[in-house]
Amino acid sequence: MDVGEFAAVRGDWQASLLDPARDLVDDLGACLTEQVSPGLVGDPKVNGSIAPINADLRFNPHGPRYKDHLLLRWWEGTPKKTAPTLFLRLDPGQIGFAAGVSFTSASCWRAAVGDNRAGDELRRLIDDVKQAVADVKQAVADVDIAGADLKRVPKPFPSDHPNADLLRHKAMFQLRWAEPLPAEVSTSDLTEFCAMRLVGLAGLHRWLVSELT
């Protein structure tokens, strides 16, 4: 789709996707601040909690000009770019959920993950989410952990460290999974459906906030 084609359907896009997304940011945000953390922030506008529909062509100049999905976020702390964040992604055929954080320096992350107490707690929280998703039996694939970009465990940690895989994260950590698009997607019940999943990430989100901010 080019600029002219999108301009022709922009009104439909706003009525069918953007306006409902704004309502979802507010409604779901109210649930999350009550059940996950009162510090979570949602801003129902594009470049706030709603990612722009236009693709960033700097990374793929010959790719699609517009995205085929809707990405929403609620974050805790400043700046938003590196704050612990809960994500909701709506694709044409599936819905995704995630909790994560980006960091400009890996030292704080490694200090937390390398610590026996904090690192063990993070591992337990990750395992709890994996088990909860498995129990629902709706995931399209296994729970994925993104961000382990380093090939080796960084010094001074040993290669056989209990959290070796987590120590290989260089710039971000994100736990995520996707499910088939539910029937609730076009109803007011979508808020409750999403809240149940994102509230299940509460412990992980709180760990990210307490250990990294």
N, C-alpha and C. Protein backbone atom coordinates (compact mmCIF):
# COMPACT_ATOMS: atom_id res chain seq x y z
N MET A 1 0.84 -1.20 0.00
CA MET A 1 0.00 0.00 0.00
C MET A 1 0.87 1.25 0.00
N ASP A 2 0.58 2.18 -0.94
CA ASP A 2 1.37 3.40 -0.97
C ASP A 2 0.61 4.52 -0.24
N VAL A 3 1.22 5.70 -0.24
CA VAL A 3 0.64 6.83 0.50
C VAL A 3 -0.76 7.17 0.00
N GLY A 4 -0.94 7.18 -1.32
CA GLY A 4 -2.24 7.51 -1.87
C GLY A 4 -3.31 6.49 -1.50
N GLU A 5 -2.94 5.22 -1.53
CA GLU A 5 -3.90 4.17 -1.17
C GLU A 5 -4.28 4.26 0.30
N PHE A 6 -3.30 4.56 1.14
CA PHE A 6 -3.62 4.69 2.57
C PHE A 6 -4.50 5.91 2.82
N ALA A 7 -4.24 6.99 2.11
CA ALA A 7 -5.06 8.20 2.27
C ALA A 7 -6.52 7.91 1.96
N ALA A 8 -6.75 7.02 1.00
CA ALA A 8 -8.12 6.70 0.61
C ALA A 8 -8.87 5.92 1.67
N VAL A 9 -8.13 5.19 2.52
CA VAL A 9 -8.79 4.37 3.55
C VAL A 9 -8.50 4.90 4.96
N ARG A 10 -7.88 6.08 5.04
CA ARG A 10 -7.49 6.60 6.35
C ARG A 10 -8.69 6.76 7.28
N GLY A 11 -9.81 7.21 6.76
CA GLY A 11 -10.99 7.39 7.60
C GLY A 11 -11.47 6.07 8.18
N ASP A 12 -11.46 5.02 7.36
CA ASP A 12 -11.85 3.70 7.85
C ASP A 12 -10.85 3.19 8.89
N TRP A 13 -9.57 3.42 8.63
CA TRP A 13 -8.54 3.00 9.59
C TRP A 13 -8.74 3.68 10.94
N GLN A 14 -9.04 4.97 10.92
CA GLN A 14 -9.22 5.66 12.19
C GLN A 14 -10.46 5.17 12.93
N ALA A 15 -11.56 5.00 12.21
CA ALA A 15 -12.81 4.57 12.86
C ALA A 15 -12.74 3.14 13.33
N SER A 16 -12.10 2.27 12.55
CA SER A 16 -12.12 0.84 12.85
C SER A 16 -10.96 0.39 13.74
N LEU A 17 -9.84 1.12 13.71
CA LEU A 17 -8.66 0.68 14.46
C LEU A 17 -8.15 1.72 15.45
N LEU A 18 -7.91 2.94 14.99
CA LEU A 18 -7.28 3.93 15.86
C LEU A 18 -8.17 4.34 17.02
N ASP A 19 -9.43 4.66 16.75
CA ASP A 19 -10.32 5.08 17.84
C ASP A 19 -10.56 3.95 18.85
N PRO A 20 -10.84 2.71 18.40
CA PRO A 20 -10.95 1.61 19.37
C PRO A 20 -9.65 1.37 20.13
N ALA A 21 -8.51 1.57 19.48
CA ALA A 21 -7.23 1.40 20.16
C ALA A 21 -7.07 2.42 21.29
N ARG A 22 -7.51 3.63 21.05
CA ARG A 22 -7.44 4.65 22.10
C ARG A 22 -8.29 4.25 23.30
N ASP A 23 -9.47 3.74 23.03
CA ASP A 23 -10.34 3.28 24.13
C ASP A 23 -9.70 2.12 24.87
N LEU A 24 -9.07 1.20 24.12
CA LEU A 24 -8.44 0.04 24.75
C LEU A 24 -7.26 0.46 25.62
N VAL A 25 -6.49 1.43 25.18
CA VAL A 25 -5.39 1.93 25.99
C VAL A 25 -5.91 2.44 27.34
N ASP A 26 -6.98 3.21 27.32
CA ASP A 26 -7.55 3.74 28.55
C ASP A 26 -8.16 2.65 29.42
N ASP A 27 -9.00 1.80 28.82
CA ASP A 27 -9.72 0.79 29.60
C ASP A 27 -8.77 -0.26 30.18
N LEU A 28 -7.86 -0.73 29.35
CA LEU A 28 -6.91 -1.74 29.81
C LEU A 28 -5.91 -1.11 30.77
N GLY A 29 -5.53 0.13 30.51
CA GLY A 29 -4.62 0.82 31.42
C GLY A 29 -5.19 0.94 32.82
N ALA A 30 -6.49 1.17 32.92
CA ALA A 30 -7.12 1.26 34.25
C ALA A 30 -7.00 -0.07 34.99
N CYS A 31 -7.17 -1.17 34.28
CA CYS A 31 -7.01 -2.50 34.89
C CYS A 31 -5.57 -2.74 35.33
N LEU A 32 -4.64 -2.34 34.49
CA LEU A 32 -3.23 -2.62 34.77
C LEU A 32 -2.71 -1.78 35.93
N THR A 33 -3.13 -0.53 36.03
CA THR A 33 -2.66 0.29 37.15
C THR A 33 -3.23 -0.23 38.47
N GLU A 34 -4.39 -0.85 38.42
CA GLU A 34 -5.01 -1.39 39.63
C GLU A 34 -4.42 -2.74 40.01
N GLN A 35 -4.15 -3.59 39.01
CA GLN A 35 -3.78 -4.97 39.30
C GLN A 35 -2.30 -5.29 39.10
N VAL A 36 -1.57 -4.44 38.41
CA VAL A 36 -0.14 -4.68 38.20
C VAL A 36 0.70 -3.66 38.96
N SER A 37 0.53 -2.37 38.63
CA SER A 37 1.30 -1.33 39.30
C SER A 37 0.64 0.03 39.06
N PRO A 38 0.48 0.82 40.12
CA PRO A 38 -0.10 2.16 39.95
C PRO A 38 0.83 3.10 39.17
N GLY A 39 2.08 2.71 38.97
CA GLY A 39 3.01 3.55 38.25
C GLY A 39 2.97 3.39 36.74
N LEU A 40 2.19 2.44 36.24
CA LEU A 40 2.11 2.25 34.80
C LEU A 40 1.44 3.43 34.12
N VAL A 41 1.96 3.81 32.97
CA VAL A 41 1.44 4.96 32.23
C VAL A 41 0.91 4.49 30.88
N GLY A 42 -0.26 4.98 30.53
CA GLY A 42 -0.81 4.78 29.20
C GLY A 42 -1.21 6.12 28.61
N ASP A 43 -0.87 6.33 27.36
CA ASP A 43 -1.17 7.60 26.70
C ASP A 43 -1.89 7.28 25.38
N PRO A 44 -3.20 7.49 25.31
CA PRO A 44 -3.99 7.01 24.17
C PRO A 44 -3.84 7.85 22.91
N LYS A 45 -2.62 7.93 22.42
CA LYS A 45 -2.39 8.64 21.17
C LYS A 45 -1.22 7.98 20.44
N VAL A 46 -1.12 8.26 19.15
CA VAL A 46 -0.01 7.76 18.36
C VAL A 46 1.30 8.36 18.87
N ASN A 47 2.32 7.50 18.98
CA ASN A 47 3.62 7.85 19.56
C ASN A 47 3.55 7.98 21.07
N GLY A 48 2.38 7.67 21.66
CA GLY A 48 2.26 7.53 23.10
C GLY A 48 2.22 6.04 23.39
N SER A 49 1.04 5.52 23.66
CA SER A 49 0.89 4.08 23.83
C SER A 49 0.61 3.36 22.52
N ILE A 50 0.33 4.09 21.47
CA ILE A 50 -0.01 3.49 20.17
C ILE A 50 1.14 3.73 19.20
N ALA A 51 1.74 2.64 18.72
CA ALA A 51 2.84 2.77 17.76
C ALA A 51 2.31 3.29 16.43
N PRO A 52 3.08 4.10 15.72
CA PRO A 52 2.64 4.62 14.42
C PRO A 52 2.36 3.48 13.44
N ILE A 53 1.41 3.71 12.54
CA ILE A 53 1.08 2.72 11.53
C ILE A 53 2.11 2.69 10.41
N ASN A 54 2.80 3.80 10.19
CA ASN A 54 3.81 3.83 9.13
C ASN A 54 5.09 3.15 9.60
N ALA A 55 5.69 2.36 8.72
CA ALA A 55 6.91 1.63 9.04
C ALA A 55 8.12 2.55 9.01
N ASP A 56 9.16 2.19 9.77
CA ASP A 56 10.41 2.94 9.77
C ASP A 56 11.26 2.44 8.60
N LEU A 57 11.27 3.18 7.52
CA LEU A 57 11.94 2.74 6.30
C LEU A 57 13.46 2.85 6.38
N ARG A 58 13.98 3.41 7.44
CA ARG A 58 15.44 3.47 7.58
C ARG A 58 16.04 2.07 7.65
N PHE A 59 15.29 1.13 8.24
CA PHE A 59 15.82 -0.22 8.43
C PHE A 59 15.44 -1.15 7.28
N ASN A 60 14.47 -0.76 6.48
CA ASN A 60 14.05 -1.58 5.34
C ASN A 60 13.46 -0.67 4.28
N PRO A 61 14.30 0.06 3.57
CA PRO A 61 13.81 1.10 2.64
C PRO A 61 12.93 0.56 1.52
N HIS A 62 13.04 -0.70 1.22
CA HIS A 62 12.25 -1.28 0.13
C HIS A 62 11.08 -2.13 0.65
N GLY A 63 10.86 -2.08 1.97
CA GLY A 63 9.80 -2.87 2.57
C GLY A 63 8.45 -2.16 2.53
N PRO A 64 7.43 -2.76 3.13
CA PRO A 64 6.10 -2.14 3.16
C PRO A 64 6.14 -0.79 3.85
N ARG A 65 5.39 0.15 3.35
CA ARG A 65 5.37 1.50 3.92
C ARG A 65 4.52 1.55 5.19
N TYR A 66 3.57 0.62 5.31
CA TYR A 66 2.68 0.61 6.47
C TYR A 66 2.68 -0.77 7.13
N LYS A 67 2.51 -0.77 8.44
CA LYS A 67 2.51 -2.02 9.21
C LYS A 67 1.17 -2.75 9.06
N ASP A 68 1.22 -4.06 9.27
CA ASP A 68 0.01 -4.86 9.19
C ASP A 68 -0.48 -5.26 10.57
N HIS A 69 0.00 -4.54 11.61
CA HIS A 69 -0.39 -4.89 12.98
C HIS A 69 -0.54 -3.61 13.82
N LEU A 70 -1.13 -3.78 14.98
CA LEU A 70 -1.32 -2.69 15.94
C LEU A 70 -0.53 -3.04 17.19
N LEU A 71 0.32 -2.13 17.64
CA LEU A 71 1.15 -2.36 18.83
C LEU A 71 0.84 -1.29 19.88
N LEU A 72 0.47 -1.76 21.08
CA LEU A 72 0.15 -0.88 22.20
C LEU A 72 1.11 -1.16 23.35
N ARG A 73 1.34 -0.13 24.19
CA ARG A 73 2.26 -0.31 25.32
C ARG A 73 1.85 0.54 26.51
N TRP A 74 2.23 0.03 27.69
CA TRP A 74 2.07 0.74 28.95
C TRP A 74 3.40 0.62 29.67
N TRP A 75 3.97 1.72 30.13
CA TRP A 75 5.32 1.70 30.67
C TRP A 75 5.35 2.32 32.05
N GLU A 76 6.45 2.02 32.78
CA GLU A 76 6.61 2.54 34.14
C GLU A 76 8.03 3.09 34.29
N GLY A 77 8.12 4.39 34.47
CA GLY A 77 9.41 5.03 34.63
C GLY A 77 9.76 5.90 33.43
N THR A 78 10.87 6.60 33.54
CA THR A 78 11.34 7.48 32.46
C THR A 78 12.81 7.20 32.19
N PRO A 79 13.23 7.41 30.95
CA PRO A 79 12.40 7.73 29.78
C PRO A 79 11.62 6.52 29.29
N LYS A 80 10.57 6.77 28.53
CA LYS A 80 9.71 5.70 28.05
C LYS A 80 10.50 4.65 27.27
N LYS A 81 11.48 5.09 26.51
CA LYS A 81 12.22 4.19 25.62
C LYS A 81 12.91 3.06 26.36
N THR A 82 13.34 3.30 27.59
CA THR A 82 14.07 2.29 28.36
C THR A 82 13.33 1.86 29.61
N ALA A 83 12.06 2.22 29.75
CA ALA A 83 11.29 1.87 30.93
C ALA A 83 10.71 0.46 30.81
N PRO A 84 10.59 -0.27 31.92
CA PRO A 84 9.89 -1.55 31.88
C PRO A 84 8.48 -1.37 31.30
N THR A 85 8.11 -2.24 30.38
CA THR A 85 6.92 -2.02 29.57
C THR A 85 6.13 -3.30 29.38
N LEU A 86 4.81 -3.16 29.35
CA LEU A 86 3.91 -4.23 28.96
C LEU A 86 3.40 -3.94 27.56
N PHE A 87 3.37 -4.96 26.71
CA PHE A 87 3.01 -4.79 25.32
C PHE A 87 1.80 -5.65 24.94
N LEU A 88 1.02 -5.13 24.01
CA LEU A 88 -0.08 -5.86 23.39
C LEU A 88 0.02 -5.65 21.89
N ARG A 89 0.04 -6.74 21.14
CA ARG A 89 0.15 -6.66 19.68
C ARG A 89 -1.01 -7.40 19.03
N LEU A 90 -1.68 -6.72 18.13
CA LEU A 90 -2.80 -7.30 17.38
C LEU A 90 -2.42 -7.45 15.92
N ASP A 91 -2.34 -8.68 15.46
CA ASP A 91 -2.07 -9.00 14.07
C ASP A 91 -3.35 -9.48 13.42
N PRO A 92 -3.38 -9.61 12.08
CA PRO A 92 -4.58 -10.09 11.42
C PRO A 92 -5.06 -11.45 11.92
N GLY A 93 -4.13 -12.33 12.34
CA GLY A 93 -4.55 -13.66 12.76
C GLY A 93 -4.19 -14.05 14.18
N GLN A 94 -3.51 -13.17 14.92
CA GLN A 94 -3.12 -13.54 16.27
C GLN A 94 -2.96 -12.31 17.15
N ILE A 95 -2.87 -12.57 18.46
CA ILE A 95 -2.71 -11.52 19.45
C ILE A 95 -1.51 -11.87 20.31
N GLY A 96 -0.65 -10.89 20.57
CA GLY A 96 0.56 -11.14 21.31
C GLY A 96 0.66 -10.33 22.58
N PHE A 97 1.37 -10.88 23.56
CA PHE A 97 1.55 -10.23 24.86
C PHE A 97 3.02 -10.30 25.23
N ALA A 98 3.51 -9.27 25.92
CA ALA A 98 4.94 -9.25 26.27
C ALA A 98 5.18 -8.33 27.46
N ALA A 99 6.28 -8.63 28.15
CA ALA A 99 6.83 -7.73 29.17
C ALA A 99 8.31 -7.62 28.90
N GLY A 100 8.85 -6.41 29.00
CA GLY A 100 10.27 -6.28 28.71
C GLY A 100 10.83 -4.93 29.07
N VAL A 101 12.11 -4.78 28.76
CA VAL A 101 12.82 -3.54 29.05
C VAL A 101 14.00 -3.43 28.10
N SER A 102 14.33 -2.20 27.71
CA SER A 102 15.56 -1.93 26.97
C SER A 102 16.52 -1.21 27.89
N PHE A 103 17.81 -1.41 27.70
CA PHE A 103 18.77 -0.72 28.56
C PHE A 103 19.92 -0.17 27.72
N THR A 104 20.35 1.03 28.07
CA THR A 104 21.45 1.67 27.36
C THR A 104 22.78 1.09 27.81
N SER A 105 22.82 0.53 29.00
CA SER A 105 24.02 -0.14 29.52
C SER A 105 23.60 -1.47 30.12
N ALA A 106 24.34 -2.50 29.83
CA ALA A 106 23.99 -3.83 30.32
C ALA A 106 24.48 -4.09 31.74
N SER A 107 25.23 -3.17 32.32
CA SER A 107 25.85 -3.43 33.62
C SER A 107 24.81 -3.65 34.72
N CYS A 108 23.76 -2.83 34.73
CA CYS A 108 22.73 -2.98 35.76
C CYS A 108 21.99 -4.32 35.58
N TRP A 109 21.70 -4.66 34.33
CA TRP A 109 21.04 -5.93 34.04
C TRP A 109 21.90 -7.11 34.52
N ARG A 110 23.17 -7.08 34.18
CA ARG A 110 24.05 -8.18 34.55
C ARG A 110 24.24 -8.29 36.05
N ALA A 111 24.28 -7.13 36.72
CA ALA A 111 24.41 -7.15 38.17
C ALA A 111 23.21 -7.83 38.82
N ALA A 112 22.02 -7.54 38.30
CA ALA A 112 20.80 -8.13 38.86
C ALA A 112 20.70 -9.60 38.52
N VAL A 113 20.91 -9.94 37.25
CA VAL A 113 20.78 -11.33 36.82
C VAL A 113 21.89 -12.20 37.41
N GLY A 114 23.07 -11.62 37.59
CA GLY A 114 24.18 -12.39 38.15
C GLY A 114 24.09 -12.59 39.64
N ASP A 115 23.26 -11.82 40.32
CA ASP A 115 23.06 -11.96 41.75
C ASP A 115 22.22 -13.21 42.03
N ASN A 116 22.64 -14.02 42.99
CA ASN A 116 21.93 -15.28 43.25
C ASN A 116 20.47 -15.05 43.61
N ARG A 117 20.21 -14.10 44.51
CA ARG A 117 18.84 -13.88 44.95
C ARG A 117 17.97 -13.34 43.83
N ALA A 118 18.39 -12.21 43.24
CA ALA A 118 17.59 -11.57 42.20
C ALA A 118 17.51 -12.43 40.96
N GLY A 119 18.62 -13.05 40.57
CA GLY A 119 18.62 -13.88 39.38
C GLY A 119 17.73 -15.10 39.53
N ASP A 120 17.75 -15.72 40.71
CA ASP A 120 16.88 -16.87 40.95
C ASP A 120 15.41 -16.47 40.91
N GLU A 121 15.11 -15.29 41.44
CA GLU A 121 13.74 -14.81 41.43
C GLU A 121 13.26 -14.55 40.00
N LEU A 122 14.12 -13.97 39.18
CA LEU A 122 13.75 -13.74 37.79
C LEU A 122 13.50 -15.06 37.08
N ARG A 123 14.35 -16.03 37.30
CA ARG A 123 14.15 -17.34 36.67
C ARG A 123 12.83 -17.96 37.10
N ARG A 124 12.49 -17.83 38.37
CA ARG A 124 11.23 -18.39 38.85
C ARG A 124 10.04 -17.69 38.19
N LEU A 125 10.11 -16.38 38.06
CA LEU A 125 9.03 -15.62 37.45
C LEU A 125 8.85 -16.00 35.97
N ILE A 126 9.96 -16.19 35.27
CA ILE A 126 9.89 -16.60 33.87
C ILE A 126 9.24 -17.98 33.77
N ASP A 127 9.65 -18.90 34.63
CA ASP A 127 9.08 -20.24 34.60
C ASP A 127 7.59 -20.22 34.93
N ASP A 128 7.19 -19.34 35.84
CA ASP A 128 5.76 -19.23 36.18
C ASP A 128 4.94 -18.78 34.97
N VAL A 129 5.45 -17.81 34.23
CA VAL A 129 4.74 -17.34 33.04
C VAL A 129 4.66 -18.45 32.00
N LYS A 130 5.76 -19.13 31.78
CA LYS A 130 5.76 -20.23 30.81
C LYS A 130 4.73 -21.29 31.17
N GLN A 131 4.66 -21.63 32.46
CA GLN A 131 3.70 -22.64 32.89
C GLN A 131 2.27 -22.16 32.73
N ALA A 132 2.02 -20.89 33.06
CA ALA A 132 0.67 -20.34 32.93
C ALA A 132 0.22 -20.34 31.48
N VAL A 133 1.12 -19.97 30.57
CA VAL A 133 0.78 -19.97 29.14
C VAL A 133 0.53 -21.40 28.66
N ALA A 134 1.34 -22.34 29.12
CA ALA A 134 1.16 -23.74 28.74
C ALA A 134 -0.17 -24.27 29.24
N ASP A 135 -0.57 -23.84 30.44
CA ASP A 135 -1.83 -24.31 31.01
C ASP A 135 -3.03 -23.83 30.20
N VAL A 136 -2.93 -22.61 29.65
CA VAL A 136 -4.02 -22.08 28.84
C VAL A 136 -4.15 -22.86 27.53
N LYS A 137 -2.98 -23.36 27.05
CA LYS A 137 -2.93 -24.19 25.84
C LYS A 137 -3.48 -23.46 24.61
N GLN A 138 -3.22 -22.16 24.53
CA GLN A 138 -3.67 -21.39 23.38
C GLN A 138 -2.52 -20.76 22.61
N ALA A 139 -1.31 -20.89 23.12
CA ALA A 139 -0.18 -20.21 22.48
C ALA A 139 0.08 -20.78 21.10
N VAL A 140 0.39 -19.90 20.16
CA VAL A 140 0.75 -20.31 18.81
C VAL A 140 2.07 -21.07 18.84
N ALA A 141 3.00 -20.65 19.69
CA ALA A 141 4.29 -21.30 19.85
C ALA A 141 4.72 -21.13 21.30
N ASP A 142 5.88 -21.69 21.65
CA ASP A 142 6.37 -21.57 23.01
C ASP A 142 6.65 -20.11 23.36
N VAL A 143 6.64 -19.82 24.65
CA VAL A 143 7.02 -18.50 25.11
C VAL A 143 8.46 -18.22 24.66
N ASP A 144 8.66 -17.04 24.09
CA ASP A 144 9.96 -16.66 23.53
C ASP A 144 10.59 -15.59 24.41
N ILE A 145 11.91 -15.69 24.58
CA ILE A 145 12.66 -14.65 25.29
C ILE A 145 13.64 -14.04 24.29
N ALA A 146 13.45 -12.78 24.00
CA ALA A 146 14.27 -12.09 23.00
C ALA A 146 15.32 -11.22 23.67
N GLY A 147 16.46 -11.05 22.99
CA GLY A 147 17.48 -10.12 23.45
C GLY A 147 18.82 -10.73 23.78
N ALA A 148 18.93 -12.08 23.74
CA ALA A 148 20.22 -12.72 24.04
C ALA A 148 21.13 -12.64 22.82
N ASP A 149 21.73 -11.48 22.60
CA ASP A 149 22.48 -11.22 21.38
C ASP A 149 23.94 -11.67 21.45
N LEU A 150 24.49 -11.78 22.65
CA LEU A 150 25.89 -12.16 22.78
C LEU A 150 26.05 -13.68 22.62
N LYS A 151 27.11 -14.08 21.94
CA LYS A 151 27.35 -15.51 21.74
C LYS A 151 27.91 -16.17 22.99
N ARG A 152 28.62 -15.38 23.81
CA ARG A 152 29.25 -15.93 25.02
C ARG A 152 28.78 -15.17 26.25
N VAL A 153 28.87 -15.82 27.37
CA VAL A 153 28.57 -15.16 28.65
C VAL A 153 29.66 -14.14 28.92
N PRO A 154 29.30 -12.89 29.21
CA PRO A 154 30.33 -11.85 29.42
C PRO A 154 31.10 -12.05 30.72
N LYS A 155 32.36 -11.64 30.69
CA LYS A 155 33.17 -11.67 31.90
C LYS A 155 32.64 -10.64 32.88
N PRO A 156 32.78 -10.88 34.18
CA PRO A 156 33.56 -11.94 34.84
C PRO A 156 32.75 -13.20 35.17
N PHE A 157 31.57 -13.36 34.57
CA PHE A 157 30.72 -14.49 34.91
C PHE A 157 31.19 -15.76 34.21
N PRO A 158 31.13 -16.88 34.89
CA PRO A 158 31.55 -18.15 34.27
C PRO A 158 30.55 -18.61 33.22
N SER A 159 31.02 -19.38 32.27
CA SER A 159 30.15 -19.85 31.18
C SER A 159 29.06 -20.77 31.68
N ASP A 160 29.26 -21.40 32.84
CA ASP A 160 28.25 -22.30 33.39
C ASP A 160 27.40 -21.65 34.47
N HIS A 161 27.35 -20.32 34.46
CA HIS A 161 26.51 -19.60 35.44
C HIS A 161 25.06 -20.06 35.28
N PRO A 162 24.31 -20.22 36.38
CA PRO A 162 22.92 -20.68 36.29
C PRO A 162 22.04 -19.81 35.38
N ASN A 163 22.37 -18.54 35.24
CA ASN A 163 21.60 -17.65 34.38
C ASN A 163 22.42 -17.21 33.17
N ALA A 164 23.21 -18.13 32.64
CA ALA A 164 24.10 -17.81 31.53
C ALA A 164 23.33 -17.27 30.33
N ASP A 165 22.17 -17.85 30.04
CA ASP A 165 21.40 -17.39 28.89
C ASP A 165 20.91 -15.97 29.07
N LEU A 166 20.53 -15.60 30.28
CA LEU A 166 20.06 -14.25 30.55
C LEU A 166 21.21 -13.24 30.57
N LEU A 167 22.36 -13.67 30.98
CA LEU A 167 23.52 -12.77 31.00
C LEU A 167 23.97 -12.39 29.60
N ARG A 168 23.55 -13.15 28.59
CA ARG A 168 23.95 -12.84 27.21
C ARG A 168 23.09 -11.74 26.57
N HIS A 169 22.18 -11.18 27.34
CA HIS A 169 21.37 -10.06 26.83
C HIS A 169 22.23 -8.80 26.83
N LYS A 170 22.24 -8.15 25.68
CA LYS A 170 23.12 -6.99 25.50
C LYS A 170 22.41 -5.65 25.63
N ALA A 171 21.21 -5.54 25.08
CA ALA A 171 20.53 -4.24 25.05
C ALA A 171 19.06 -4.30 25.45
N MET A 172 18.49 -5.50 25.51
CA MET A 172 17.08 -5.59 25.87
C MET A 172 16.73 -6.99 26.34
N PHE A 173 15.62 -7.06 27.06
CA PHE A 173 15.03 -8.34 27.48
C PHE A 173 13.53 -8.23 27.22
N GLN A 174 12.99 -9.25 26.59
CA GLN A 174 11.54 -9.27 26.39
C GLN A 174 11.04 -10.72 26.40
N LEU A 175 10.07 -10.97 27.24
CA LEU A 175 9.38 -12.26 27.26
C LEU A 175 8.06 -12.08 26.54
N ARG A 176 7.72 -12.98 25.60
CA ARG A 176 6.55 -12.75 24.77
C ARG A 176 5.98 -14.07 24.26
N TRP A 177 4.73 -14.00 23.91
CA TRP A 177 4.07 -15.14 23.26
C TRP A 177 2.85 -14.62 22.50
N ALA A 178 2.33 -15.47 21.62
CA ALA A 178 1.17 -15.10 20.81
C ALA A 178 0.12 -16.20 20.89
N GLU A 179 -1.13 -15.79 20.73
CA GLU A 179 -2.26 -16.70 20.72
C GLU A 179 -3.12 -16.42 19.49
N PRO A 180 -3.93 -17.37 19.08
CA PRO A 180 -4.87 -17.09 17.99
C PRO A 180 -5.77 -15.92 18.34
N LEU A 181 -6.13 -15.15 17.35
CA LEU A 181 -6.99 -13.99 17.57
C LEU A 181 -8.32 -14.46 18.16
N PRO A 182 -8.71 -13.95 19.33
CA PRO A 182 -9.93 -14.44 19.98
C PRO A 182 -11.19 -13.82 19.40
N ALA A 183 -12.31 -14.48 19.66
CA ALA A 183 -13.60 -13.94 19.21
C ALA A 183 -13.88 -12.59 19.86
N GLU A 184 -13.31 -12.36 21.04
CA GLU A 184 -13.55 -11.11 21.78
C GLU A 184 -12.93 -9.89 21.13
N VAL A 185 -12.11 -10.09 20.08
CA VAL A 185 -11.36 -8.96 19.51
C VAL A 185 -12.27 -7.85 19.02
N SER A 186 -13.47 -8.16 18.62
CA SER A 186 -14.38 -7.13 18.10
C SER A 186 -15.48 -6.77 19.09
N THR A 187 -15.27 -7.11 20.37
CA THR A 187 -16.28 -6.82 21.38
C THR A 187 -15.64 -6.11 22.57
N SER A 188 -16.50 -5.66 23.46
CA SER A 188 -16.01 -4.99 24.68
C SER A 188 -15.31 -5.97 25.63
N ASP A 189 -15.45 -7.27 25.38
CA ASP A 189 -14.81 -8.26 26.23
C ASP A 189 -13.30 -8.36 25.98
N LEU A 190 -12.81 -7.68 24.95
CA LEU A 190 -11.37 -7.74 24.65
C LEU A 190 -10.55 -7.20 25.81
N THR A 191 -11.04 -6.18 26.49
CA THR A 191 -10.29 -5.61 27.62
C THR A 191 -10.05 -6.67 28.68
N GLU A 192 -11.09 -7.40 29.05
CA GLU A 192 -10.95 -8.44 30.08
C GLU A 192 -10.02 -9.56 29.61
N PHE A 193 -10.16 -9.95 28.36
CA PHE A 193 -9.32 -11.01 27.80
C PHE A 193 -7.84 -10.61 27.90
N CYS A 194 -7.52 -9.40 27.48
CA CYS A 194 -6.14 -8.93 27.51
C CYS A 194 -5.64 -8.72 28.94
N ALA A 195 -6.51 -8.21 29.79
CA ALA A 195 -6.11 -7.96 31.18
C ALA A 195 -5.69 -9.26 31.86
N MET A 196 -6.41 -10.34 31.61
CA MET A 196 -6.06 -11.62 32.22
C MET A 196 -4.64 -12.03 31.84
N ARG A 197 -4.26 -11.82 30.60
CA ARG A 197 -2.92 -12.20 30.16
C ARG A 197 -1.86 -11.26 30.72
N LEU A 198 -2.08 -9.97 30.61
CA LEU A 198 -1.06 -9.01 31.04
C LEU A 198 -0.90 -8.98 32.55
N VAL A 199 -1.97 -9.20 33.28
CA VAL A 199 -1.86 -9.27 34.75
C VAL A 199 -0.99 -10.46 35.14
N GLY A 200 -1.00 -11.51 34.33
CA GLY A 200 -0.12 -12.64 34.59
C GLY A 200 1.35 -12.31 34.49
N LEU A 201 1.68 -11.16 33.91
CA LEU A 201 3.05 -10.68 33.81
C LEU A 201 3.42 -9.71 34.93
N ALA A 202 2.53 -9.57 35.91
CA ALA A 202 2.74 -8.58 36.97
C ALA A 202 4.02 -8.81 37.74
N GLY A 203 4.27 -10.04 38.16
CA GLY A 203 5.48 -10.31 38.93
C GLY A 203 6.74 -10.00 38.16
N LEU A 204 6.77 -10.38 36.90
CA LEU A 204 7.93 -10.10 36.05
C LEU A 204 8.12 -8.60 35.87
N HIS A 205 7.03 -7.90 35.61
CA HIS A 205 7.12 -6.44 35.43
C HIS A 205 7.65 -5.78 36.71
N ARG A 206 7.14 -6.19 37.85
CA ARG A 206 7.58 -5.59 39.12
C ARG A 206 9.06 -5.86 39.36
N TRP A 207 9.53 -7.04 38.97
CA TRP A 207 10.95 -7.33 39.12
C TRP A 207 11.77 -6.38 38.28
N LEU A 208 11.38 -6.18 37.04
CA LEU A 208 12.11 -5.27 36.15
C LEU A 208 12.17 -3.87 36.72
N VAL A 209 11.05 -3.42 37.30
CA VAL A 209 11.01 -2.08 37.89
C VAL A 209 11.92 -1.99 39.11
N SER A 210 11.82 -2.97 40.00
CA SER A 210 12.56 -2.89 41.27
C SER A 210 14.07 -3.08 41.08
N GLU A 211 14.45 -3.91 40.10
CA GLU A 211 15.88 -4.22 39.94
C GLU A 211 16.61 -3.31 38.95
N LEU A 212 15.84 -2.68 38.04
CA LEU A 212 16.51 -1.96 36.96
C LEU A 212 16.22 -0.47 36.92
N THR A 213 15.35 0.03 37.80
CA THR A 213 15.05 1.46 37.79
C THR A 213 15.29 2.07 39.18
